[in-house]
Amino acid sequence: MGDAAVIGVSDTEMGERVLAVVEALDQSAAGPDLATELIEFCRERLAHYTGPREVRSTPTLPRHDNGTLFKRLLREAYARSAGDPGTS
């Protein structure tokens, strides 16, 4: 795994939910097992409601010219797919 970003996306039940987007260096390893492992890791260390309920993987995360994550682009991209919970 490379880098990760945590964003809020719309949720019909709670208004907003936590979504983790991870930069998978090896796309073949990115799947349901990795998502489950990351969620369990967070649940052991964070309050249940603050950890991600969903993990999505991407080959690269969008970045500004200075190298910081461009979270607005992530929010826009995942807002369109917020109605489809699950991992990918």
PDB file of N, CA and C in Angstrom:
ATOM      1  N   MET A   1       0.846  -1.163   0.000  1.00  0.00           N
ATOM      2  CA  MET A   1       0.000   0.000   0.000  1.00  0.00           C
ATOM      3  C   MET A   1       0.895   1.229   0.000  1.00  0.00           C
ATOM      4  N   GLY A   2       0.479   2.221  -0.752  1.00  0.00           N
ATOM      5  CA  GLY A   2       1.203   3.480  -0.810  1.00  0.00           C
ATOM      6  C   GLY A   2       0.621   4.466   0.177  1.00  0.00           C
ATOM      7  N   ASP A   3      -0.079   5.447  -0.308  1.00  0.00           N
ATOM      8  CA  ASP A   3      -0.663   6.500   0.513  1.00  0.00           C
ATOM      9  C   ASP A   3      -2.146   6.224   0.729  1.00  0.00           C
ATOM     10  N   ALA A   4      -2.764   6.983   1.612  1.00  0.00           N
ATOM     11  CA  ALA A   4      -4.196   6.822   1.871  1.00  0.00           C
ATOM     12  C   ALA A   4      -4.818   8.179   2.163  1.00  0.00           C
ATOM     13  N   ALA A   5      -6.095   8.286   1.856  1.00  0.00           N
ATOM     14  CA  ALA A   5      -6.864   9.492   2.162  1.00  0.00           C
ATOM     15  C   ALA A   5      -8.175   9.055   2.791  1.00  0.00           C
ATOM     16  N   VAL A   6      -8.654   9.842   3.724  1.00  0.00           N
ATOM     17  CA  VAL A   6      -9.935   9.572   4.367  1.00  0.00           C
ATOM     18  C   VAL A   6     -10.838  10.769   4.101  1.00  0.00           C
ATOM     19  N   ILE A   7     -12.016  10.482   3.550  1.00  0.00           N
ATOM     20  CA  ILE A   7     -12.957  11.553   3.204  1.00  0.00           C
ATOM     21  C   ILE A   7     -14.348  11.184   3.720  1.00  0.00           C
ATOM     22  N   GLY A   8     -15.213  12.160   3.765  1.00  0.00           N
ATOM     23  CA  GLY A   8     -16.608  11.916   4.095  1.00  0.00           C
ATOM     24  C   GLY A   8     -17.432  11.892   2.827  1.00  0.00           C
ATOM     25  N   VAL A   9     -18.331  10.924   2.718  1.00  0.00           N
ATOM     26  CA  VAL A   9     -19.247  10.842   1.582  1.00  0.00           C
ATOM     27  C   VAL A   9     -20.677  10.753   2.105  1.00  0.00           C
ATOM     28  N   SER A  10     -21.615  11.131   1.281  1.00  0.00           N
ATOM     29  CA  SER A  10     -23.025  11.132   1.683  1.00  0.00           C
ATOM     30  C   SER A  10     -23.494   9.740   2.080  1.00  0.00           C
ATOM     31  N   ASP A  11     -24.362   9.716   3.078  1.00  0.00           N
ATOM     32  CA  ASP A  11     -24.948   8.466   3.548  1.00  0.00           C
ATOM     33  C   ASP A  11     -26.405   8.738   3.888  1.00  0.00           C
ATOM     34  N   THR A  12     -27.303   7.913   3.370  1.00  0.00           N
ATOM     35  CA  THR A  12     -28.730   8.139   3.594  1.00  0.00           C
ATOM     36  C   THR A  12     -29.118   7.955   5.057  1.00  0.00           C
ATOM     37  N   GLU A  13     -28.445   7.057   5.763  1.00  0.00           N
ATOM     38  CA  GLU A  13     -28.791   6.775   7.155  1.00  0.00           C
ATOM     39  C   GLU A  13     -28.198   7.802   8.127  1.00  0.00           C
ATOM     40  N   MET A  14     -26.915   8.113   7.959  1.00  0.00           N
ATOM     41  CA  MET A  14     -26.214   8.955   8.923  1.00  0.00           C
ATOM     42  C   MET A  14     -25.906  10.367   8.412  1.00  0.00           C
ATOM     43  N   GLY A  15     -26.195  10.652   7.165  1.00  0.00           N
ATOM     44  CA  GLY A  15     -25.873  11.955   6.592  1.00  0.00           C
ATOM     45  C   GLY A  15     -24.524  11.947   5.905  1.00  0.00           C
ATOM     46  N   GLU A  16     -23.527  11.377   6.582  1.00  0.00           N
ATOM     47  CA  GLU A  16     -22.192  11.260   6.016  1.00  0.00           C
ATOM     48  C   GLU A  16     -21.504  10.064   6.659  1.00  0.00           C
ATOM     49  N   ARG A  17     -20.648   9.409   5.890  1.00  0.00           N
ATOM     50  CA  ARG A  17     -19.883   8.273   6.421  1.00  0.00           C
ATOM     51  C   ARG A  17     -18.436   8.408   6.000  1.00  0.00           C
ATOM     52  N   VAL A  18     -17.565   7.689   6.708  1.00  0.00           N
ATOM     53  CA  VAL A  18     -16.132   7.761   6.468  1.00  0.00           C
ATOM     54  C   VAL A  18     -15.747   6.754   5.385  1.00  0.00           C
ATOM     55  N   LEU A  19     -15.007   7.230   4.401  1.00  0.00           N
ATOM     56  CA  LEU A  19     -14.514   6.396   3.298  1.00  0.00           C
ATOM     57  C   LEU A  19     -13.008   6.549   3.231  1.00  0.00           C
ATOM     58  N   ALA A  20     -12.292   5.439   3.241  1.00  0.00           N
ATOM     59  CA  ALA A  20     -10.843   5.459   3.066  1.00  0.00           C
ATOM     60  C   ALA A  20     -10.538   5.092   1.617  1.00  0.00           C
ATOM     61  N   VAL A  21      -9.678   5.870   0.998  1.00  0.00           N
ATOM     62  CA  VAL A  21      -9.229   5.593  -0.364  1.00  0.00           C
ATOM     63  C   VAL A  21      -7.732   5.334  -0.275  1.00  0.00           C
ATOM     64  N   VAL A  22      -7.304   4.138  -0.662  1.00  0.00           N
ATOM     65  CA  VAL A  22      -5.906   3.766  -0.543  1.00  0.00           C
ATOM     66  C   VAL A  22      -5.265   3.649  -1.920  1.00  0.00           C
ATOM     67  N   GLU A  23      -4.028   4.039  -1.967  1.00  0.00           N
ATOM     68  CA  GLU A  23      -3.229   3.944  -3.181  1.00  0.00           C
ATOM     69  C   GLU A  23      -2.529   2.591  -3.130  1.00  0.00           C
ATOM     70  N   ALA A  24      -3.045   1.641  -3.875  1.00  0.00           N
ATOM     71  CA  ALA A  24      -2.502   0.285  -3.856  1.00  0.00           C
ATOM     72  C   ALA A  24      -1.347   0.178  -4.843  1.00  0.00           C
ATOM     73  N   LEU A  25      -0.160  -0.121  -4.325  1.00  0.00           N
ATOM     74  CA  LEU A  25       0.998  -0.280  -5.190  1.00  0.00           C
ATOM     75  C   LEU A  25       0.874  -1.550  -6.019  1.00  0.00           C
ATOM     76  N   ASP A  26       0.256  -2.568  -5.435  1.00  0.00           N
ATOM     77  CA  ASP A  26       0.022  -3.837  -6.133  1.00  0.00           C
ATOM     78  C   ASP A  26      -1.489  -4.017  -6.253  1.00  0.00           C
ATOM     79  N   GLN A  27      -2.046  -3.699  -7.418  1.00  0.00           N
ATOM     80  CA  GLN A  27      -3.497  -3.756  -7.617  1.00  0.00           C
ATOM     81  C   GLN A  27      -4.050  -5.173  -7.439  1.00  0.00           C
ATOM     82  N   SER A  28      -3.225  -6.199  -7.645  1.00  0.00           N
ATOM     83  CA  SER A  28      -3.721  -7.567  -7.469  1.00  0.00           C
ATOM     84  C   SER A  28      -3.973  -7.882  -5.993  1.00  0.00           C
ATOM     85  N   ALA A  29      -3.292  -7.164  -5.098  1.00  0.00           N
ATOM     86  CA  ALA A  29      -3.484  -7.389  -3.654  1.00  0.00           C
ATOM     87  C   ALA A  29      -4.624  -6.549  -3.101  1.00  0.00           C
ATOM     88  N   ALA A  30      -5.083  -5.563  -3.866  1.00  0.00           N
ATOM     89  CA  ALA A  30      -6.157  -4.692  -3.401  1.00  0.00           C
ATOM     90  C   ALA A  30      -7.498  -5.354  -3.667  1.00  0.00           C
ATOM     91  N   GLY A  31      -8.203  -5.647  -2.607  1.00  0.00           N
ATOM     92  CA  GLY A  31      -9.505  -6.292  -2.753  1.00  0.00           C
ATOM     93  C   GLY A  31     -10.196  -6.373  -1.411  1.00  0.00           C
ATOM     94  N   PRO A  32     -11.181  -7.225  -1.310  1.00  0.00           N
ATOM     95  CA  PRO A  32     -11.954  -7.336  -0.065  1.00  0.00           C
ATOM     96  C   PRO A  32     -11.108  -7.704   1.157  1.00  0.00           C
ATOM     97  N   ASP A  33     -10.079  -8.543   0.974  1.00  0.00           N
ATOM     98  CA  ASP A  33      -9.249  -8.930   2.118  1.00  0.00           C
ATOM     99  C   ASP A  33      -8.473  -7.743   2.668  1.00  0.00           C
ATOM    100  N   LEU A  34      -7.919  -6.930   1.784  1.00  0.00           N
ATOM    101  CA  LEU A  34      -7.198  -5.735   2.217  1.00  0.00           C
ATOM    102  C   LEU A  34      -8.151  -4.760   2.900  1.00  0.00           C
ATOM    103  N   ALA A  35      -9.327  -4.572   2.339  1.00  0.00           N
ATOM    104  CA  ALA A  35     -10.313  -3.666   2.923  1.00  0.00           C
ATOM    105  C   ALA A  35     -10.689  -4.125   4.328  1.00  0.00           C
ATOM    106  N   THR A  36     -10.957  -5.391   4.489  1.00  0.00           N
ATOM    107  CA  THR A  36     -11.315  -5.936   5.796  1.00  0.00           C
ATOM    108  C   THR A  36     -10.178  -5.745   6.797  1.00  0.00           C
ATOM    109  N   GLU A  37      -8.957  -6.001   6.365  1.00  0.00           N
ATOM    110  CA  GLU A  37      -7.794  -5.848   7.238  1.00  0.00           C
ATOM    111  C   GLU A  37      -7.624  -4.390   7.686  1.00  0.00           C
ATOM    112  N   LEU A  38      -7.789  -3.458   6.772  1.00  0.00           N
ATOM    113  CA  LEU A  38      -7.648  -2.046   7.122  1.00  0.00           C
ATOM    114  C   LEU A  38      -8.756  -1.571   8.064  1.00  0.00           C
ATOM    115  N   ILE A  39      -9.981  -2.005   7.808  1.00  0.00           N
ATOM    116  CA  ILE A  39     -11.099  -1.631   8.682  1.00  0.00           C
ATOM    117  C   ILE A  39     -10.888  -2.188  10.089  1.00  0.00           C
ATOM    118  N   GLU A  40     -10.467  -3.443  10.186  1.00  0.00           N
ATOM    119  CA  GLU A  40     -10.205  -4.046  11.500  1.00  0.00           C
ATOM    120  C   GLU A  40      -9.059  -3.326  12.217  1.00  0.00           C
ATOM    121  N   PHE A  41      -8.014  -2.971  11.479  1.00  0.00           N
ATOM    122  CA  PHE A  41      -6.885  -2.239  12.051  1.00  0.00           C
ATOM    123  C   PHE A  41      -7.370  -0.928  12.669  1.00  0.00           C
ATOM    124  N   CYS A  42      -8.197  -0.203  11.930  1.00  0.00           N
ATOM    125  CA  CYS A  42      -8.722   1.073  12.421  1.00  0.00           C
ATOM    126  C   CYS A  42      -9.644   0.885  13.618  1.00  0.00           C
ATOM    127  N   ARG A  43     -10.475  -0.140  13.594  1.00  0.00           N
ATOM    128  CA  ARG A  43     -11.423  -0.369  14.699  1.00  0.00           C
ATOM    129  C   ARG A  43     -10.709  -0.703  16.004  1.00  0.00           C
ATOM    130  N   GLU A  44      -9.528  -1.321  15.905  1.00  0.00           N
ATOM    131  CA  GLU A  44      -8.765  -1.631  17.113  1.00  0.00           C
ATOM    132  C   GLU A  44      -8.146  -0.383  17.724  1.00  0.00           C
ATOM    133  N   ARG A  45      -7.967   0.670  16.917  1.00  0.00           N
ATOM    134  CA  ARG A  45      -7.233   1.836  17.375  1.00  0.00           C
ATOM    135  C   ARG A  45      -8.058   3.118  17.468  1.00  0.00           C
ATOM    136  N   LEU A  46      -9.237   3.128  16.859  1.00  0.00           N
ATOM    137  CA  LEU A  46     -10.074   4.325  16.824  1.00  0.00           C
ATOM    138  C   LEU A  46     -11.462   4.021  17.367  1.00  0.00           C
ATOM    139  N   ALA A  47     -12.172   5.066  17.742  1.00  0.00           N
ATOM    140  CA  ALA A  47     -13.575   4.888  18.113  1.00  0.00           C
ATOM    141  C   ALA A  47     -14.317   4.360  16.889  1.00  0.00           C
ATOM    142  N   HIS A  48     -15.261   3.479  17.098  1.00  0.00           N
ATOM    143  CA  HIS A  48     -15.963   2.804  16.006  1.00  0.00           C
ATOM    144  C   HIS A  48     -16.534   3.780  14.977  1.00  0.00           C
ATOM    145  N   TYR A  49     -17.125   4.861  15.448  1.00  0.00           N
ATOM    146  CA  TYR A  49     -17.781   5.797  14.540  1.00  0.00           C
ATOM    147  C   TYR A  49     -16.799   6.685  13.775  1.00  0.00           C
ATOM    148  N   THR A  50     -15.520   6.728  14.175  1.00  0.00           N
ATOM    149  CA  THR A  50     -14.550   7.575  13.482  1.00  0.00           C
ATOM    150  C   THR A  50     -13.764   6.833  12.412  1.00  0.00           C
ATOM    151  N   GLY A  51     -13.802   5.516  12.425  1.00  0.00           N
ATOM    152  CA  GLY A  51     -13.056   4.732  11.437  1.00  0.00           C
ATOM    153  C   GLY A  51     -13.844   4.551  10.157  1.00  0.00           C
ATOM    154  N   PRO A  52     -13.157   4.166   9.099  1.00  0.00           N
ATOM    155  CA  PRO A  52     -13.848   3.961   7.819  1.00  0.00           C
ATOM    156  C   PRO A  52     -14.778   2.759   7.860  1.00  0.00           C
ATOM    157  N   ARG A  53     -15.908   2.901   7.201  1.00  0.00           N
ATOM    158  CA  ARG A  53     -16.852   1.788   7.048  1.00  0.00           C
ATOM    159  C   ARG A  53     -16.653   1.122   5.697  1.00  0.00           C
ATOM    160  N   GLU A  54     -15.856   1.786   4.871  1.00  0.00           N
ATOM    161  CA  GLU A  54     -15.643   1.319   3.504  1.00  0.00           C
ATOM    162  C   GLU A  54     -14.235   1.711   3.080  1.00  0.00           C
ATOM    163  N   VAL A  55     -13.610   0.840   2.281  1.00  0.00           N
ATOM    164  CA  VAL A  55     -12.282   1.105   1.744  1.00  0.00           C
ATOM    165  C   VAL A  55     -12.334   0.880   0.242  1.00  0.00           C
ATOM    166  N   ARG A  56     -11.843   1.848  -0.507  1.00  0.00           N
ATOM    167  CA  ARG A  56     -11.734   1.721  -1.962  1.00  0.00           C
ATOM    168  C   ARG A  56     -10.263   1.856  -2.326  1.00  0.00           C
ATOM    169  N   SER A  57      -9.855   1.205  -3.393  1.00  0.00           N
ATOM    170  CA  SER A  57      -8.463   1.321  -3.821  1.00  0.00           C
ATOM    171  C   SER A  57      -8.386   1.996  -5.181  1.00  0.00           C
ATOM    172  N   THR A  58      -7.263   2.631  -5.419  1.00  0.00           N
ATOM    173  CA  THR A  58      -7.015   3.330  -6.667  1.00  0.00           C
ATOM    174  C   THR A  58      -5.526   3.207  -6.987  1.00  0.00           C
ATOM    175  N   PRO A  59      -5.156   3.194  -8.252  1.00  0.00           N
ATOM    176  CA  PRO A  59      -3.730   3.100  -8.588  1.00  0.00           C
ATOM    177  C   PRO A  59      -2.943   4.339  -8.143  1.00  0.00           C
ATOM    178  N   THR A  60      -3.555   5.524  -8.240  1.00  0.00           N
ATOM    179  CA  THR A  60      -2.897   6.757  -7.800  1.00  0.00           C
ATOM    180  C   THR A  60      -3.926   7.697  -7.193  1.00  0.00           C
ATOM    181  N   LEU A  61      -3.481   8.474  -6.239  1.00  0.00           N
ATOM    182  CA  LEU A  61      -4.320   9.500  -5.630  1.00  0.00           C
ATOM    183  C   LEU A  61      -3.996  10.842  -6.289  1.00  0.00           C
ATOM    184  N   PRO A  62      -5.004  11.697  -6.496  1.00  0.00           N
ATOM    185  CA  PRO A  62      -4.738  13.001  -7.114  1.00  0.00           C
ATOM    186  C   PRO A  62      -3.953  13.905  -6.162  1.00  0.00           C
ATOM    187  N   ARG A  63      -3.006  14.625  -6.730  1.00  0.00           N
ATOM    188  CA  ARG A  63      -2.155  15.489  -5.916  1.00  0.00           C
ATOM    189  C   ARG A  63      -2.040  16.882  -6.514  1.00  0.00           C
ATOM    190  N   HIS A  64      -1.855  17.862  -5.629  1.00  0.00           N
ATOM    191  CA  HIS A  64      -1.539  19.226  -6.047  1.00  0.00           C
ATOM    192  C   HIS A  64      -0.101  19.239  -6.549  1.00  0.00           C
ATOM    193  N   ASP A  65       0.318  20.331  -7.155  1.00  0.00           N
ATOM    194  CA  ASP A  65       1.698  20.470  -7.631  1.00  0.00           C
ATOM    195  C   ASP A  65       2.717  20.350  -6.508  1.00  0.00           C
ATOM    196  N   ASN A  66       2.314  20.730  -5.280  1.00  0.00           N
ATOM    197  CA  ASN A  66       3.248  20.658  -4.150  1.00  0.00           C
ATOM    198  C   ASN A  66       3.279  19.270  -3.507  1.00  0.00           C
ATOM    199  N   GLY A  67       2.504  18.322  -4.033  1.00  0.00           N
ATOM    200  CA  GLY A  67       2.541  16.946  -3.552  1.00  0.00           C
ATOM    201  C   GLY A  67       1.465  16.579  -2.549  1.00  0.00           C
ATOM    202  N   THR A  68       0.712  17.548  -2.039  1.00  0.00           N
ATOM    203  CA  THR A  68      -0.341  17.221  -1.082  1.00  0.00           C
ATOM    204  C   THR A  68      -1.542  16.620  -1.806  1.00  0.00           C
ATOM    205  N   LEU A  69      -2.325  15.858  -1.070  1.00  0.00           N
ATOM    206  CA  LEU A  69      -3.494  15.210  -1.665  1.00  0.00           C
ATOM    207  C   LEU A  69      -4.550  16.231  -2.071  1.00  0.00           C
ATOM    208  N   PHE A  70      -5.171  15.991  -3.199  1.00  0.00           N
ATOM    209  CA  PHE A  70      -6.224  16.852  -3.739  1.00  0.00           C
ATOM    210  C   PHE A  70      -7.557  16.219  -3.342  1.00  0.00           C
ATOM    211  N   LYS A  71      -7.953  16.409  -2.079  1.00  0.00           N
ATOM    212  CA  LYS A  71      -9.138  15.729  -1.545  1.00  0.00           C
ATOM    213  C   LYS A  71     -10.435  16.157  -2.209  1.00  0.00           C
ATOM    214  N   ARG A  72     -10.503  17.385  -2.687  1.00  0.00           N
ATOM    215  CA  ARG A  72     -11.730  17.829  -3.350  1.00  0.00           C
ATOM    216  C   ARG A  72     -12.031  16.945  -4.560  1.00  0.00           C
ATOM    217  N   LEU A  73     -11.015  16.591  -5.321  1.00  0.00           N
ATOM    218  CA  LEU A  73     -11.228  15.697  -6.469  1.00  0.00           C
ATOM    219  C   LEU A  73     -11.696  14.320  -6.018  1.00  0.00           C
ATOM    220  N   LEU A  74     -11.156  13.831  -4.909  1.00  0.00           N
ATOM    221  CA  LEU A  74     -11.602  12.540  -4.373  1.00  0.00           C
ATOM    222  C   LEU A  74     -13.060  12.608  -3.931  1.00  0.00           C
ATOM    223  N   ARG A  75     -13.416  13.670  -3.210  1.00  0.00           N
ATOM    224  CA  ARG A  75     -14.805  13.816  -2.756  1.00  0.00           C
ATOM    225  C   ARG A  75     -15.762  13.848  -3.938  1.00  0.00           C
ATOM    226  N   GLU A  76     -15.392  14.593  -4.982  1.00  0.00           N
ATOM    227  CA  GLU A  76     -16.252  14.671  -6.170  1.00  0.00           C
ATOM    228  C   GLU A  76     -16.372  13.315  -6.849  1.00  0.00           C
ATOM    229  N   ALA A  77     -15.273  12.615  -6.989  1.00  0.00           N
ATOM    230  CA  ALA A  77     -15.285  11.316  -7.663  1.00  0.00           C
ATOM    231  C   ALA A  77     -16.116  10.291  -6.893  1.00  0.00           C
ATOM    232  N   TYR A  78     -15.954  10.257  -5.568  1.00  0.00           N
ATOM    233  CA  TYR A  78     -16.657   9.251  -4.778  1.00  0.00           C
ATOM    234  C   TYR A  78     -18.059   9.688  -4.379  1.00  0.00           C
ATOM    235  N   ALA A  79     -18.389  10.962  -4.516  1.00  0.00           N
ATOM    236  CA  ALA A  79     -19.759  11.411  -4.264  1.00  0.00           C
ATOM    237  C   ALA A  79     -20.692  10.800  -5.302  1.00  0.00           C
ATOM    238  N   ARG A  80     -20.213  10.654  -6.523  1.00  0.00           N
ATOM    239  CA  ARG A  80     -21.023  10.063  -7.592  1.00  0.00           C
ATOM    240  C   ARG A  80     -21.305   8.593  -7.344  1.00  0.00           C
ATOM    241  N   SER A  81     -20.363   7.907  -6.655  1.00  0.00           N
ATOM    242  CA  SER A  81     -20.544   6.481  -6.423  1.00  0.00           C
ATOM    243  C   SER A  81     -20.958   6.175  -4.987  1.00  0.00           C
ATOM    244  N   ALA A  82     -21.338   7.205  -4.222  1.00  0.00           N
ATOM    245  CA  ALA A  82     -21.674   7.008  -2.803  1.00  0.00           C
ATOM    246  C   ALA A  82     -22.888   6.118  -2.611  1.00  0.00           C
ATOM    247  N   GLY A  83     -23.730   6.008  -3.593  1.00  0.00           N
ATOM    248  CA  GLY A  83     -24.895   5.155  -3.468  1.00  0.00           C
ATOM    249  C   GLY A  83     -24.582   3.690  -3.632  1.00  0.00           C
ATOM    250  N   ASP A  84     -23.324   3.360  -3.897  1.00  0.00           N
ATOM    251  CA  ASP A  84     -22.899   1.979  -4.140  1.00  0.00           C
ATOM    252  C   ASP A  84     -21.877   1.560  -3.095  1.00  0.00           C
ATOM    253  N   PRO A  85     -22.328   1.276  -1.842  1.00  0.00           N
ATOM    254  CA  PRO A  85     -21.373   0.904  -0.814  1.00  0.00           C
ATOM    255  C   PRO A  85     -20.713  -0.427  -1.125  1.00  0.00           C
ATOM    256  N   GLY A  86     -19.523  -0.583  -0.600  1.00  0.00           N
ATOM    257  CA  GLY A  86     -18.750  -1.798  -0.818  1.00  0.00           C
ATOM    258  C   GLY A  86     -17.308  -1.445  -1.064  1.00  0.00           C
ATOM    259  N   THR A  87     -16.506  -2.423  -1.369  1.00  0.00           N
ATOM    260  CA  THR A  87     -15.104  -2.178  -1.633  1.00  0.00           C
ATOM    261  C   THR A  87     -14.819  -2.465  -3.081  1.00  0.00           C
ATOM    262  N   SER A  88     -13.811  -1.789  -3.588  1.00  0.00           N
ATOM    263  CA  SER A  88     -13.384  -2.074  -4.957  1.00  0.00           C
ATOM    264  C   SER A  88     -11.901  -1.900  -5.084  1.00  0.00           C
TER     265      SER A  88
END
